[in-house]
Amino acid sequence: MNKSELIDAIAETAGLTKADAGRALDGFTKAVTAALRSEDPKDRNVALVGFGTFAVKERAERKGRNPQSGEEITIKAVKIPSFKAGKSLRDAVN
């Protein structure tokens, strides 16, 4: 399912116009992004009970190899977004 198909599904399910559903989806993604970018660690999670939790995980600096030259390189530490499915979502899929 791509973004336009998701907007269509939201519009049909919620009884909204496609334009309203698109704005709602954009608002949701902006709100989740803003929360994950927050400097306050307690605000870095977005939990939707039963659906899942969006969070930020930190990947430590590590050593790697350049595949072309075989030279050892240092891969910088990064923060990555993650999603953990909630029980209701897991049960619905299985």
N, C-alpha and C. Protein backbone atom coordinates (compact mmCIF):
# COMPACT_ATOMS: atom_id res chain seq x y z
N MET A 1 0.86 -1.17 0.00
CA MET A 1 0.00 0.00 0.00
C MET A 1 0.90 1.23 0.00
N ASN A 2 0.66 2.14 -0.93
CA ASN A 2 1.44 3.38 -0.96
C ASN A 2 0.65 4.50 -0.28
N LYS A 3 1.20 5.70 -0.26
CA LYS A 3 0.59 6.81 0.47
C LYS A 3 -0.79 7.16 -0.06
N SER A 4 -0.95 7.21 -1.38
CA SER A 4 -2.27 7.58 -1.92
C SER A 4 -3.31 6.51 -1.63
N GLU A 5 -2.91 5.24 -1.64
CA GLU A 5 -3.85 4.18 -1.28
C GLU A 5 -4.21 4.25 0.20
N LEU A 6 -3.26 4.61 1.04
CA LEU A 6 -3.53 4.77 2.46
C LEU A 6 -4.49 5.93 2.69
N ILE A 7 -4.30 7.03 1.98
CA ILE A 7 -5.20 8.18 2.10
C ILE A 7 -6.61 7.77 1.68
N ASP A 8 -6.73 7.03 0.59
CA ASP A 8 -8.05 6.55 0.15
C ASP A 8 -8.71 5.69 1.23
N ALA A 9 -7.94 4.79 1.84
CA ALA A 9 -8.48 3.91 2.88
C ALA A 9 -8.91 4.70 4.11
N ILE A 10 -8.10 5.69 4.50
CA ILE A 10 -8.46 6.54 5.65
C ILE A 10 -9.73 7.31 5.35
N ALA A 11 -9.82 7.88 4.16
CA ALA A 11 -11.00 8.66 3.77
C ALA A 11 -12.26 7.80 3.82
N GLU A 12 -12.16 6.59 3.30
CA GLU A 12 -13.32 5.71 3.27
C GLU A 12 -13.71 5.24 4.67
N THR A 13 -12.73 4.86 5.47
CA THR A 13 -13.00 4.34 6.81
C THR A 13 -13.53 5.42 7.75
N ALA A 14 -12.96 6.61 7.68
CA ALA A 14 -13.33 7.69 8.61
C ALA A 14 -14.43 8.60 8.07
N GLY A 15 -14.84 8.39 6.83
CA GLY A 15 -15.88 9.25 6.26
C GLY A 15 -15.38 10.66 6.00
N LEU A 16 -14.13 10.79 5.60
CA LEU A 16 -13.54 12.09 5.30
C LEU A 16 -13.35 12.24 3.79
N THR A 17 -13.11 13.47 3.38
CA THR A 17 -12.72 13.67 1.99
C THR A 17 -11.27 13.23 1.86
N LYS A 18 -10.85 12.99 0.62
CA LYS A 18 -9.46 12.58 0.40
C LYS A 18 -8.50 13.69 0.83
N ALA A 19 -8.89 14.95 0.61
CA ALA A 19 -8.04 16.08 1.01
C ALA A 19 -7.88 16.12 2.53
N ASP A 20 -9.00 15.92 3.26
CA ASP A 20 -8.93 15.91 4.72
C ASP A 20 -8.11 14.73 5.23
N ALA A 21 -8.28 13.58 4.61
CA ALA A 21 -7.52 12.39 5.01
C ALA A 21 -6.03 12.61 4.74
N GLY A 22 -5.70 13.25 3.63
CA GLY A 22 -4.30 13.55 3.32
C GLY A 22 -3.69 14.49 4.34
N ARG A 23 -4.44 15.52 4.73
CA ARG A 23 -3.95 16.45 5.74
C ARG A 23 -3.80 15.75 7.09
N ALA A 24 -4.73 14.85 7.41
CA ALA A 24 -4.64 14.11 8.68
C ALA A 24 -3.40 13.21 8.69
N LEU A 25 -3.14 12.53 7.59
CA LEU A 25 -1.96 11.67 7.51
C LEU A 25 -0.68 12.49 7.59
N ASP A 26 -0.64 13.62 6.88
CA ASP A 26 0.53 14.51 6.95
C ASP A 26 0.74 15.03 8.37
N GLY A 27 -0.35 15.38 9.03
CA GLY A 27 -0.26 15.85 10.42
C GLY A 27 0.27 14.78 11.34
N PHE A 28 -0.19 13.55 11.14
CA PHE A 28 0.29 12.43 11.95
C PHE A 28 1.78 12.21 11.76
N THR A 29 2.23 12.18 10.51
CA THR A 29 3.65 11.93 10.26
C THR A 29 4.52 13.07 10.78
N LYS A 30 4.05 14.31 10.67
CA LYS A 30 4.81 15.44 11.20
C LYS A 30 4.88 15.39 12.72
N ALA A 31 3.78 15.01 13.37
CA ALA A 31 3.76 14.93 14.84
C ALA A 31 4.69 13.84 15.34
N VAL A 32 4.69 12.68 14.69
CA VAL A 32 5.58 11.58 15.08
C VAL A 32 7.04 11.99 14.86
N THR A 33 7.32 12.61 13.72
CA THR A 33 8.68 13.05 13.43
C THR A 33 9.16 14.07 14.45
N ALA A 34 8.31 15.03 14.80
CA ALA A 34 8.68 16.05 15.79
C ALA A 34 8.95 15.41 17.15
N ALA A 35 8.14 14.43 17.53
CA ALA A 35 8.35 13.77 18.81
C ALA A 35 9.67 13.01 18.82
N LEU A 36 9.99 12.32 17.74
CA LEU A 36 11.22 11.54 17.69
C LEU A 36 12.46 12.43 17.63
N ARG A 37 12.30 13.65 17.12
CA ARG A 37 13.43 14.59 17.07
C ARG A 37 13.63 15.34 18.37
N SER A 38 12.70 15.22 19.31
CA SER A 38 12.75 15.93 20.58
C SER A 38 14.05 15.65 21.32
N GLU A 39 14.55 16.65 22.01
CA GLU A 39 15.77 16.50 22.81
C GLU A 39 15.48 15.82 24.14
N ASP A 40 14.23 15.91 24.62
CA ASP A 40 13.86 15.33 25.90
C ASP A 40 13.62 13.82 25.72
N PRO A 41 14.40 12.96 26.38
CA PRO A 41 14.29 11.52 26.18
C PRO A 41 12.89 10.96 26.46
N LYS A 42 12.16 11.54 27.42
CA LYS A 42 10.82 11.01 27.73
C LYS A 42 9.81 11.34 26.64
N ASP A 43 10.10 12.34 25.80
CA ASP A 43 9.19 12.70 24.72
C ASP A 43 9.55 12.02 23.40
N ARG A 44 10.56 11.15 23.41
CA ARG A 44 11.03 10.53 22.17
C ARG A 44 10.29 9.27 21.80
N ASN A 45 9.21 8.95 22.47
CA ASN A 45 8.40 7.78 22.14
C ASN A 45 6.99 8.22 21.81
N VAL A 46 6.40 7.56 20.82
CA VAL A 46 4.99 7.77 20.50
C VAL A 46 4.34 6.40 20.62
N ALA A 47 3.51 6.24 21.65
CA ALA A 47 2.88 4.95 21.92
C ALA A 47 1.40 5.01 21.57
N LEU A 48 0.98 4.14 20.67
CA LEU A 48 -0.43 3.99 20.32
C LEU A 48 -0.85 2.63 20.85
N VAL A 49 -1.55 2.61 21.97
CA VAL A 49 -1.89 1.38 22.66
C VAL A 49 -2.58 0.41 21.71
N GLY A 50 -2.07 -0.79 21.66
CA GLY A 50 -2.60 -1.83 20.80
C GLY A 50 -2.00 -1.83 19.41
N PHE A 51 -1.60 -0.67 18.90
CA PHE A 51 -1.02 -0.59 17.56
C PHE A 51 0.49 -0.75 17.60
N GLY A 52 1.15 0.09 18.40
CA GLY A 52 2.60 -0.02 18.50
C GLY A 52 3.25 1.24 19.03
N THR A 53 4.58 1.21 19.08
CA THR A 53 5.35 2.31 19.62
C THR A 53 6.46 2.71 18.66
N PHE A 54 6.51 4.01 18.36
CA PHE A 54 7.61 4.58 17.58
C PHE A 54 8.63 5.08 18.59
N ALA A 55 9.90 4.80 18.37
CA ALA A 55 10.94 5.22 19.30
C ALA A 55 12.23 5.50 18.55
N VAL A 56 13.21 6.06 19.27
CA VAL A 56 14.54 6.31 18.71
C VAL A 56 15.52 5.39 19.40
N LYS A 57 16.31 4.69 18.60
CA LYS A 57 17.36 3.83 19.15
C LYS A 57 18.70 4.40 18.72
N GLU A 58 19.69 4.17 19.56
CA GLU A 58 21.04 4.67 19.24
C GLU A 58 21.93 3.51 18.86
N ARG A 59 22.56 3.65 17.71
CA ARG A 59 23.51 2.64 17.23
C ARG A 59 24.91 3.16 17.52
N ALA A 60 25.69 2.40 18.25
CA ALA A 60 27.03 2.82 18.67
C ALA A 60 28.00 2.86 17.49
N GLU A 61 29.07 3.63 17.67
CA GLU A 61 30.13 3.66 16.68
C GLU A 61 30.74 2.27 16.58
N ARG A 62 31.09 1.87 15.36
CA ARG A 62 31.65 0.53 15.19
C ARG A 62 32.64 0.50 14.04
N LYS A 63 33.41 -0.56 13.99
CA LYS A 63 34.39 -0.74 12.92
C LYS A 63 33.75 -1.51 11.78
N GLY A 64 34.13 -1.16 10.56
CA GLY A 64 33.66 -1.85 9.38
C GLY A 64 34.78 -1.95 8.36
N ARG A 65 34.48 -2.51 7.22
CA ARG A 65 35.48 -2.65 6.16
C ARG A 65 34.93 -2.08 4.87
N ASN A 66 35.79 -1.37 4.16
CA ASN A 66 35.45 -0.90 2.82
C ASN A 66 35.44 -2.13 1.92
N PRO A 67 34.31 -2.45 1.27
CA PRO A 67 34.25 -3.68 0.49
C PRO A 67 35.15 -3.67 -0.75
N GLN A 68 35.49 -2.50 -1.24
CA GLN A 68 36.34 -2.44 -2.44
C GLN A 68 37.82 -2.61 -2.11
N SER A 69 38.26 -1.92 -1.04
CA SER A 69 39.69 -1.96 -0.73
C SER A 69 40.04 -2.87 0.44
N GLY A 70 39.05 -3.25 1.23
CA GLY A 70 39.32 -4.08 2.40
C GLY A 70 39.85 -3.27 3.57
N GLU A 71 39.99 -1.96 3.39
CA GLU A 71 40.50 -1.07 4.43
C GLU A 71 39.50 -0.97 5.58
N GLU A 72 40.00 -0.98 6.82
CA GLU A 72 39.13 -0.84 7.99
C GLU A 72 38.71 0.62 8.12
N ILE A 73 37.41 0.84 8.37
CA ILE A 73 36.88 2.19 8.54
C ILE A 73 36.06 2.25 9.83
N THR A 74 35.84 3.46 10.31
CA THR A 74 35.00 3.66 11.48
C THR A 74 33.64 4.16 11.02
N ILE A 75 32.60 3.47 11.42
CA ILE A 75 31.23 3.87 11.10
C ILE A 75 30.71 4.66 12.28
N LYS A 76 30.26 5.90 12.03
CA LYS A 76 29.84 6.80 13.10
C LYS A 76 28.60 6.28 13.83
N ALA A 77 28.46 6.72 15.08
CA ALA A 77 27.26 6.42 15.86
C ALA A 77 26.10 7.21 15.25
N VAL A 78 24.91 6.60 15.24
CA VAL A 78 23.72 7.26 14.69
C VAL A 78 22.50 6.94 15.54
N LYS A 79 21.50 7.78 15.40
CA LYS A 79 20.19 7.55 16.01
C LYS A 79 19.27 7.10 14.88
N ILE A 80 18.52 6.01 15.13
CA ILE A 80 17.63 5.50 14.10
C ILE A 80 16.22 5.36 14.64
N PRO A 81 15.21 5.66 13.82
CA PRO A 81 13.83 5.46 14.26
C PRO A 81 13.49 3.97 14.23
N SER A 82 12.65 3.55 15.15
CA SER A 82 12.23 2.16 15.17
C SER A 82 10.74 2.09 15.49
N PHE A 83 10.14 0.96 15.16
CA PHE A 83 8.73 0.72 15.45
C PHE A 83 8.60 -0.67 16.03
N LYS A 84 7.90 -0.77 17.15
CA LYS A 84 7.62 -2.06 17.76
C LYS A 84 6.11 -2.25 17.76
N ALA A 85 5.66 -3.30 17.10
CA ALA A 85 4.23 -3.56 16.98
C ALA A 85 3.62 -3.91 18.33
N GLY A 86 2.40 -3.43 18.56
CA GLY A 86 1.66 -3.76 19.77
C GLY A 86 0.97 -5.10 19.66
N LYS A 87 0.44 -5.58 20.76
CA LYS A 87 -0.18 -6.91 20.80
C LYS A 87 -1.35 -7.03 19.84
N SER A 88 -2.23 -6.06 19.80
CA SER A 88 -3.39 -6.15 18.91
C SER A 88 -2.98 -6.24 17.45
N LEU A 89 -1.97 -5.47 17.06
CA LEU A 89 -1.48 -5.51 15.67
C LEU A 89 -0.83 -6.86 15.38
N ARG A 90 -0.03 -7.36 16.31
CA ARG A 90 0.61 -8.68 16.11
C ARG A 90 -0.45 -9.77 15.98
N ASP A 91 -1.49 -9.71 16.84
CA ASP A 91 -2.54 -10.71 16.80
C ASP A 91 -3.34 -10.64 15.50
N ALA A 92 -3.56 -9.43 15.00
CA ALA A 92 -4.32 -9.27 13.75
C ALA A 92 -3.57 -9.82 12.56
N VAL A 93 -2.24 -9.74 12.58
CA VAL A 93 -1.42 -10.23 11.47
C VAL A 93 -1.30 -11.74 11.51
N ASN A 94 -1.27 -12.31 12.71
CA ASN A 94 -1.08 -13.77 12.83
C ASN A 94 -2.37 -14.49 12.81
